[in-house]
């Protein structure tokens, strides 16, 4: 049995209508002035590179003390978390005009292609950048099975 479709002679015109997505064009327009002075929550940016014997990870976590950073490695699963504290005050003389504070956690978790040798893993934090050197666990070479 054939499928039936409804013919709409104006459907081609609707695709050419420049105002069809008019609502999307101004989405959030009225909210922008409210949030113009506020900063976004911090995010952790990560670079992961692979060498023959290790994975190298660089994570940008500016303004965080190294005691507030936690790295967990479980097999090939890596988790980086940090507690972020940000305080900003604006004063005019002795009168407090505005005070903004942010306390929270940033968190990233990802899987690597091979298990990590946790005993030889190294971490260094300097100038807002966390550098991890995660050696690959020596594994058995891949073996091709004969098909009988």
N, C-alpha and C. Protein backbone atom coordinates (compact mmCIF):
# COMPACT_ATOMS: atom_id res chain seq x y z
N UNK A 1 0.84 -1.17 0.00
CA UNK A 1 0.00 0.00 0.00
C UNK A 1 0.89 1.24 0.00
N UNK A 2 0.52 2.23 -0.73
CA UNK A 2 1.32 3.45 -0.88
C UNK A 2 1.08 4.39 0.30
N UNK A 3 2.11 5.16 0.62
CA UNK A 3 1.97 6.16 1.67
C UNK A 3 1.30 7.40 1.11
N UNK A 4 0.42 7.97 1.86
CA UNK A 4 -0.29 9.18 1.45
C UNK A 4 0.32 10.39 2.14
N UNK A 5 0.54 11.44 1.40
CA UNK A 5 1.02 12.69 1.97
C UNK A 5 0.08 13.80 1.58
N UNK A 6 -0.07 14.75 2.47
CA UNK A 6 -0.96 15.87 2.23
C UNK A 6 -0.20 16.93 1.45
N UNK A 7 -0.79 17.45 0.39
CA UNK A 7 -0.18 18.49 -0.42
C UNK A 7 -0.50 19.85 0.17
N UNK A 8 0.55 20.63 0.39
CA UNK A 8 0.38 21.98 0.91
C UNK A 8 1.04 22.94 -0.08
N UNK A 9 0.25 23.69 -0.86
CA UNK A 9 0.84 24.55 -1.89
C UNK A 9 1.65 25.72 -1.31
N UNK A 10 1.45 26.07 -0.06
CA UNK A 10 2.17 27.18 0.54
C UNK A 10 3.41 26.75 1.32
N UNK A 11 3.74 25.48 1.34
CA UNK A 11 4.89 25.02 2.12
C UNK A 11 6.20 25.58 1.58
N UNK A 12 6.30 25.73 0.26
CA UNK A 12 7.52 26.31 -0.32
C UNK A 12 7.68 27.77 0.09
N UNK A 13 6.59 28.49 0.19
CA UNK A 13 6.67 29.89 0.59
C UNK A 13 7.06 30.03 2.06
N UNK A 14 6.64 29.10 2.88
CA UNK A 14 6.97 29.15 4.30
C UNK A 14 8.47 29.00 4.51
N UNK A 15 9.14 28.21 3.66
CA UNK A 15 10.58 28.04 3.80
C UNK A 15 11.34 29.31 3.43
N UNK A 16 10.75 30.15 2.58
CA UNK A 16 11.41 31.38 2.16
C UNK A 16 11.08 32.56 3.06
N UNK A 17 10.20 32.37 4.01
CA UNK A 17 9.75 33.46 4.88
C UNK A 17 10.88 33.89 5.82
N UNK A 18 11.38 35.13 5.69
CA UNK A 18 12.47 35.56 6.56
C UNK A 18 12.05 35.75 8.02
N UNK A 19 10.75 35.87 8.28
CA UNK A 19 10.28 36.11 9.63
C UNK A 19 9.78 34.83 10.30
N UNK A 20 9.99 33.68 9.66
CA UNK A 20 9.52 32.42 10.21
C UNK A 20 10.19 32.14 11.56
N UNK A 21 11.48 32.44 11.67
CA UNK A 21 12.20 32.22 12.92
C UNK A 21 12.38 33.54 13.67
N UNK A 22 11.39 34.39 13.56
CA UNK A 22 11.45 35.71 14.18
C UNK A 22 11.61 35.60 15.70
N UNK A 23 10.93 34.63 16.32
CA UNK A 23 11.03 34.46 17.77
C UNK A 23 12.45 34.06 18.18
N UNK A 24 13.07 33.19 17.40
CA UNK A 24 14.43 32.74 17.72
C UNK A 24 15.44 33.87 17.59
N UNK A 25 15.19 34.79 16.66
CA UNK A 25 16.14 35.87 16.42
C UNK A 25 16.26 36.77 17.65
N UNK A 26 15.17 36.99 18.37
CA UNK A 26 15.20 37.86 19.54
C UNK A 26 15.08 37.09 20.85
N UNK A 27 15.37 35.80 20.80
CA UNK A 27 15.27 34.97 22.01
C UNK A 27 16.25 35.49 23.06
N UNK A 28 15.77 35.76 24.23
CA UNK A 28 16.61 36.23 25.32
C UNK A 28 16.98 37.71 25.22
N UNK A 29 16.42 38.44 24.25
CA UNK A 29 16.78 39.85 24.05
C UNK A 29 16.48 40.69 25.28
N UNK A 30 15.35 40.43 25.92
CA UNK A 30 14.97 41.22 27.08
C UNK A 30 15.78 40.84 28.32
N UNK A 31 16.40 39.67 28.33
CA UNK A 31 17.15 39.24 29.50
C UNK A 31 18.60 39.71 29.49
N UNK A 32 19.13 40.06 28.35
CA UNK A 32 20.54 40.43 28.26
C UNK A 32 20.92 41.60 29.15
N UNK A 33 20.17 42.68 29.21
CA UNK A 33 20.58 43.78 30.08
C UNK A 33 20.65 43.39 31.56
N UNK A 34 19.82 42.45 31.98
CA UNK A 34 19.82 42.02 33.37
C UNK A 34 21.12 41.33 33.70
N UNK A 35 21.64 40.50 32.79
CA UNK A 35 22.84 39.71 33.05
C UNK A 35 24.12 40.37 32.56
N UNK A 36 24.06 41.58 32.08
CA UNK A 36 25.24 42.20 31.46
C UNK A 36 26.40 42.39 32.43
N UNK A 37 26.15 42.61 33.70
CA UNK A 37 27.23 42.84 34.64
C UNK A 37 27.71 41.59 35.34
N UNK A 38 26.98 40.50 35.20
CA UNK A 38 27.34 39.28 35.90
C UNK A 38 28.28 38.44 35.06
N UNK A 39 29.17 37.73 35.73
CA UNK A 39 30.09 36.84 35.03
C UNK A 39 29.52 35.43 35.04
N UNK A 40 29.88 34.66 34.04
CA UNK A 40 29.41 33.29 33.95
C UNK A 40 30.13 32.42 34.96
N UNK A 41 29.51 31.30 35.30
CA UNK A 41 30.15 30.36 36.20
C UNK A 41 31.43 29.85 35.55
N UNK A 42 32.47 29.61 36.32
CA UNK A 42 33.72 29.15 35.74
C UNK A 42 33.59 27.75 35.15
N UNK A 43 34.33 27.54 34.08
CA UNK A 43 34.37 26.24 33.45
C UNK A 43 35.82 25.81 33.33
N UNK A 44 36.03 24.51 33.30
CA UNK A 44 37.37 23.96 33.20
C UNK A 44 37.61 23.55 31.75
N UNK A 45 38.64 24.13 31.14
CA UNK A 45 38.99 23.77 29.77
C UNK A 45 40.14 22.79 29.81
N UNK A 46 40.05 21.72 29.01
CA UNK A 46 41.02 20.64 29.08
C UNK A 46 41.59 20.32 27.70
N UNK A 47 42.92 20.08 27.67
CA UNK A 47 43.60 19.55 26.49
C UNK A 47 44.12 18.17 26.85
N UNK A 48 43.84 17.18 26.02
CA UNK A 48 44.34 15.83 26.24
C UNK A 48 45.17 15.44 25.03
N UNK A 49 46.43 15.05 25.27
CA UNK A 49 47.27 14.58 24.18
C UNK A 49 47.85 13.22 24.56
N UNK A 50 48.20 12.46 23.55
CA UNK A 50 48.69 11.10 23.78
C UNK A 50 50.06 10.93 23.16
N UNK A 51 50.96 10.35 23.93
CA UNK A 51 52.28 9.97 23.45
C UNK A 51 52.35 8.45 23.45
N UNK A 52 53.50 7.91 23.08
CA UNK A 52 53.64 6.46 23.03
C UNK A 52 53.41 5.81 24.39
N UNK A 53 53.94 6.41 25.45
CA UNK A 53 53.90 5.76 26.75
C UNK A 53 53.05 6.48 27.80
N UNK A 54 52.46 7.64 27.44
CA UNK A 54 51.72 8.39 28.45
C UNK A 54 50.68 9.30 27.81
N UNK A 55 49.72 9.71 28.64
CA UNK A 55 48.75 10.74 28.28
C UNK A 55 49.17 12.02 28.99
N UNK A 56 49.07 13.14 28.29
CA UNK A 56 49.37 14.44 28.88
C UNK A 56 48.08 15.26 28.90
N UNK A 57 47.73 15.74 30.07
CA UNK A 57 46.49 16.51 30.22
C UNK A 57 46.84 17.86 30.80
N UNK A 58 46.27 18.91 30.19
CA UNK A 58 46.39 20.27 30.72
C UNK A 58 44.98 20.78 30.97
N UNK A 59 44.74 21.24 32.19
CA UNK A 59 43.43 21.75 32.57
C UNK A 59 43.59 23.17 33.10
N UNK A 60 42.85 24.10 32.54
CA UNK A 60 42.87 25.49 33.02
C UNK A 60 41.91 25.63 34.19
N UNK A 61 42.48 25.94 35.35
CA UNK A 61 41.67 26.17 36.56
C UNK A 61 42.22 27.41 37.24
N UNK A 62 41.99 28.60 36.68
CA UNK A 62 42.58 29.80 37.26
C UNK A 62 41.92 30.21 38.57
N UNK A 63 42.73 30.81 39.45
CA UNK A 63 42.22 31.36 40.70
C UNK A 63 41.88 30.34 41.75
N UNK A 64 42.39 29.12 41.64
CA UNK A 64 42.10 28.06 42.58
C UNK A 64 43.40 27.67 43.29
N UNK A 65 43.32 27.41 44.59
CA UNK A 65 44.48 26.94 45.33
C UNK A 65 44.69 25.46 45.01
N UNK A 66 45.95 25.04 45.01
CA UNK A 66 46.23 23.64 44.66
C UNK A 66 45.65 22.67 45.67
N UNK A 67 45.41 23.11 46.91
CA UNK A 67 44.80 22.24 47.91
C UNK A 67 43.32 21.98 47.61
N UNK A 68 42.71 22.81 46.79
CA UNK A 68 41.29 22.67 46.46
C UNK A 68 41.05 21.86 45.20
N UNK A 69 42.12 21.30 44.60
CA UNK A 69 42.01 20.51 43.38
C UNK A 69 42.14 19.04 43.75
N UNK A 70 41.27 18.23 43.19
CA UNK A 70 41.29 16.78 43.45
C UNK A 70 41.28 16.04 42.11
N UNK A 71 42.22 15.12 41.95
CA UNK A 71 42.32 14.30 40.75
C UNK A 71 42.19 12.84 41.15
N UNK A 72 41.29 12.12 40.49
CA UNK A 72 41.08 10.71 40.76
C UNK A 72 41.26 9.94 39.46
N UNK A 73 42.05 8.86 39.52
CA UNK A 73 42.25 8.01 38.36
C UNK A 73 41.83 6.60 38.74
N UNK A 74 40.88 6.04 37.99
CA UNK A 74 40.40 4.68 38.23
C UNK A 74 40.41 3.94 36.90
N UNK A 75 41.47 3.16 36.67
CA UNK A 75 41.60 2.45 35.40
C UNK A 75 41.89 3.46 34.29
N UNK A 76 40.94 3.62 33.38
CA UNK A 76 41.11 4.62 32.31
C UNK A 76 40.21 5.83 32.52
N UNK A 77 39.51 5.89 33.66
CA UNK A 77 38.60 6.99 33.98
C UNK A 77 39.34 8.05 34.81
N UNK A 78 39.35 9.29 34.33
CA UNK A 78 40.02 10.39 35.03
C UNK A 78 38.97 11.42 35.44
N UNK A 79 39.04 11.85 36.70
CA UNK A 79 38.11 12.85 37.21
C UNK A 79 38.92 13.98 37.84
N UNK A 80 38.63 15.20 37.41
CA UNK A 80 39.28 16.39 37.97
C UNK A 80 38.17 17.27 38.54
N UNK A 81 38.31 17.64 39.81
CA UNK A 81 37.34 18.54 40.43
C UNK A 81 38.09 19.60 41.22
N UNK A 82 37.48 20.76 41.33
CA UNK A 82 38.10 21.86 42.07
C UNK A 82 37.01 22.71 42.70
N UNK A 83 37.33 23.24 43.88
CA UNK A 83 36.42 24.15 44.57
C UNK A 83 36.82 25.57 44.22
N UNK A 84 35.89 26.30 43.64
CA UNK A 84 36.16 27.67 43.18
C UNK A 84 35.50 28.66 44.12
N UNK A 85 36.27 29.65 44.54
CA UNK A 85 35.74 30.73 45.37
C UNK A 85 36.10 32.04 44.69
N UNK A 86 35.10 32.84 44.47
CA UNK A 86 35.36 34.13 43.83
C UNK A 86 34.56 35.19 44.56
N UNK A 87 35.25 36.23 44.98
CA UNK A 87 34.58 37.33 45.67
C UNK A 87 34.93 38.63 44.98
N UNK A 88 33.94 39.47 44.85
CA UNK A 88 34.15 40.77 44.20
C UNK A 88 33.27 41.79 44.91
N UNK A 89 33.86 42.88 45.35
CA UNK A 89 33.10 43.93 46.03
C UNK A 89 33.41 45.27 45.39
N UNK A 90 32.40 46.08 45.27
CA UNK A 90 32.58 47.44 44.79
C UNK A 90 32.11 48.39 45.89
N UNK A 91 32.99 49.31 46.26
CA UNK A 91 32.66 50.24 47.34
C UNK A 91 32.82 51.68 46.86
N UNK A 92 32.02 52.52 47.43
CA UNK A 92 32.16 53.97 47.26
C UNK A 92 32.36 54.52 48.65
N UNK A 93 33.60 54.83 48.96
CA UNK A 93 33.90 55.29 50.32
C UNK A 93 33.72 54.14 51.29
N UNK A 94 32.86 54.34 52.30
CA UNK A 94 32.60 53.28 53.29
C UNK A 94 31.33 52.51 52.96
N UNK A 95 30.61 52.96 51.96
CA UNK A 95 29.33 52.34 51.63
C UNK A 95 29.53 51.24 50.58
N UNK A 96 29.03 50.04 50.87
CA UNK A 96 29.10 48.92 49.94
C UNK A 96 28.01 49.06 48.90
N UNK A 97 28.41 49.14 47.64
CA UNK A 97 27.45 49.31 46.54
C UNK A 97 27.01 47.96 45.99
N UNK A 98 27.96 47.07 45.75
CA UNK A 98 27.63 45.77 45.17
C UNK A 98 28.62 44.72 45.67
N UNK A 99 28.13 43.53 45.96
CA UNK A 99 28.98 42.43 46.38
C UNK A 99 28.55 41.19 45.63
N UNK A 100 29.48 40.55 44.93
CA UNK A 100 29.18 39.33 44.19
C UNK A 100 30.11 38.24 44.66
N UNK A 101 29.53 37.11 44.98
CA UNK A 101 30.32 35.98 45.43
C UNK A 101 29.90 34.74 44.66
N UNK A 102 30.87 33.90 44.38
CA UNK A 102 30.58 32.62 43.76
C UNK A 102 31.37 31.55 44.49
N UNK A 103 30.69 30.58 45.01
CA UNK A 103 31.31 29.43 45.63
C UNK A 103 30.71 28.20 44.95
N UNK A 104 31.56 27.36 44.47
CA UNK A 104 31.04 26.17 43.81
C UNK A 104 32.15 25.23 43.39
N UNK A 105 31.76 24.19 42.69
CA UNK A 105 32.70 23.20 42.22
C UNK A 105 32.65 23.13 40.70
N UNK A 106 33.83 22.98 40.11
CA UNK A 106 33.91 22.66 38.69
C UNK A 106 34.37 21.22 38.62
N UNK A 107 33.92 20.51 37.59
CA UNK A 107 34.11 19.08 37.56
C UNK A 107 34.20 18.61 36.12
N UNK A 108 35.20 17.78 35.82
CA UNK A 108 35.31 17.16 34.50
C UNK A 108 35.69 15.70 34.70
N UNK A 109 35.09 14.84 33.92
CA UNK A 109 35.40 13.43 33.98
C UNK A 109 35.43 12.89 32.55
N UNK A 110 36.43 12.08 32.24
CA UNK A 110 36.55 11.55 30.88
C UNK A 110 37.29 10.22 30.92
N UNK A 111 37.15 9.46 29.84
CA UNK A 111 37.80 8.16 29.71
C UNK A 111 38.93 8.25 28.71
N UNK A 112 40.01 7.55 29.01
CA UNK A 112 41.14 7.47 28.10
C UNK A 112 41.10 6.13 27.38
N UNK A 113 41.88 6.00 26.34
CA UNK A 113 41.86 4.78 25.53
C UNK A 113 42.51 3.59 26.20
N UNK A 114 43.33 3.81 27.20
CA UNK A 114 44.05 2.72 27.85
C UNK A 114 44.13 3.00 29.34
N UNK A 115 44.26 1.94 30.14
CA UNK A 115 44.37 2.11 31.60
C UNK A 115 45.64 2.87 31.96
N UNK A 116 45.59 3.58 33.09
CA UNK A 116 46.70 4.42 33.54
C UNK A 116 47.44 3.71 34.68
N UNK A 117 48.76 3.81 34.65
CA UNK A 117 49.60 3.30 35.74
C UNK A 117 49.56 4.35 36.86
N UNK A 118 48.71 4.13 37.85
CA UNK A 118 48.47 5.11 38.90
C UNK A 118 49.70 5.37 39.77
N UNK A 119 50.57 4.38 39.91
CA UNK A 119 51.74 4.54 40.77
C UNK A 119 52.77 5.50 40.18
N UNK A 120 52.77 5.68 38.85
CA UNK A 120 53.74 6.56 38.21
C UNK A 120 53.12 7.87 37.74
N UNK A 121 51.86 8.10 38.03
CA UNK A 121 51.18 9.33 37.58
C UNK A 121 51.71 10.53 38.34
N UNK A 122 51.80 11.68 37.65
CA UNK A 122 52.31 12.91 38.24
C UNK A 122 51.35 14.05 37.95
N UNK A 123 51.26 14.99 38.91
CA UNK A 123 50.42 16.18 38.75
C UNK A 123 51.20 17.40 39.20
N UNK A 124 51.05 18.50 38.43
CA UNK A 124 51.73 19.75 38.77
C UNK A 124 50.75 20.90 38.48
N UNK A 125 50.68 21.86 39.41
CA UNK A 125 49.79 23.00 39.24
C UNK A 125 50.60 24.28 39.36
N UNK A 126 50.59 25.08 38.30
CA UNK A 126 51.30 26.35 38.30
C UNK A 126 50.59 27.32 37.36
N UNK A 127 50.48 28.57 37.79
CA UNK A 127 49.90 29.66 36.99
C UNK A 127 48.50 29.33 36.46
N UNK A 128 47.70 28.66 37.29
CA UNK A 128 46.32 28.37 36.91
C UNK A 128 46.15 27.20 35.97
N UNK A 129 47.24 26.45 35.70
CA UNK A 129 47.15 25.31 34.79
C UNK A 129 47.59 24.05 35.53
N UNK A 130 46.73 23.06 35.53
CA UNK A 130 47.04 21.76 36.10
C UNK A 130 47.58 20.87 34.98
N UNK A 131 48.77 20.31 35.18
CA UNK A 131 49.37 19.42 34.19
C UNK A 131 49.47 18.02 34.78
N UNK A 132 48.87 17.06 34.09
CA UNK A 132 48.91 15.67 34.52
C UNK A 132 49.72 14.86 33.52
N UNK A 133 50.60 14.02 34.02
CA UNK A 133 51.31 13.05 33.19
C UNK A 133 50.86 11.69 33.67
N UNK A 134 50.10 11.00 32.82
CA UNK A 134 49.50 9.73 33.19
C UNK A 134 50.08 8.63 32.31
N UNK A 135 51.10 7.89 32.83
CA UNK A 135 51.70 6.82 32.04
C UNK A 135 50.70 5.71 31.76
N UNK A 136 50.80 5.14 30.58
CA UNK A 136 49.93 4.03 30.21
C UNK A 136 50.39 2.77 30.93
N UNK A 137 49.44 1.98 31.35
CA UNK A 137 49.75 0.73 32.01
C UNK A 137 50.23 -0.25 30.94
N UNK A 138 51.39 -0.87 31.19
CA UNK A 138 51.85 -1.82 30.18
C UNK A 138 50.86 -2.97 30.08
N UNK A 139 50.41 -3.19 28.89
CA UNK A 139 49.40 -4.22 28.69
C UNK A 139 49.89 -5.28 27.73
N UNK A 140 49.11 -6.27 27.58
CA UNK A 140 49.42 -7.33 26.65
C UNK A 140 49.12 -6.82 25.25
N UNK A 141 50.01 -7.14 24.32
CA UNK A 141 49.80 -6.72 22.94
C UNK A 141 48.53 -7.40 22.40
N UNK A 142 47.89 -6.72 21.50
CA UNK A 142 46.67 -7.27 20.93
C UNK A 142 46.98 -8.56 20.18
N UNK A 143 46.14 -9.54 20.35
CA UNK A 143 46.35 -10.83 19.73
C UNK A 143 45.19 -11.10 18.78
N UNK A 144 45.54 -11.48 17.55
CA UNK A 144 44.50 -11.76 16.58
C UNK A 144 44.14 -13.23 16.70
N UNK A 145 42.87 -13.49 16.77
CA UNK A 145 42.40 -14.86 16.92
C UNK A 145 42.20 -15.52 15.57
N UNK A 146 42.57 -16.78 15.51
CA UNK A 146 42.34 -17.54 14.28
C UNK A 146 40.89 -18.02 14.29
N UNK A 147 40.24 -17.89 13.19
CA UNK A 147 38.84 -18.29 13.06
C UNK A 147 38.80 -19.69 12.48
N UNK A 148 38.09 -20.57 13.20
CA UNK A 148 38.04 -21.97 12.72
C UNK A 148 36.72 -22.25 12.06
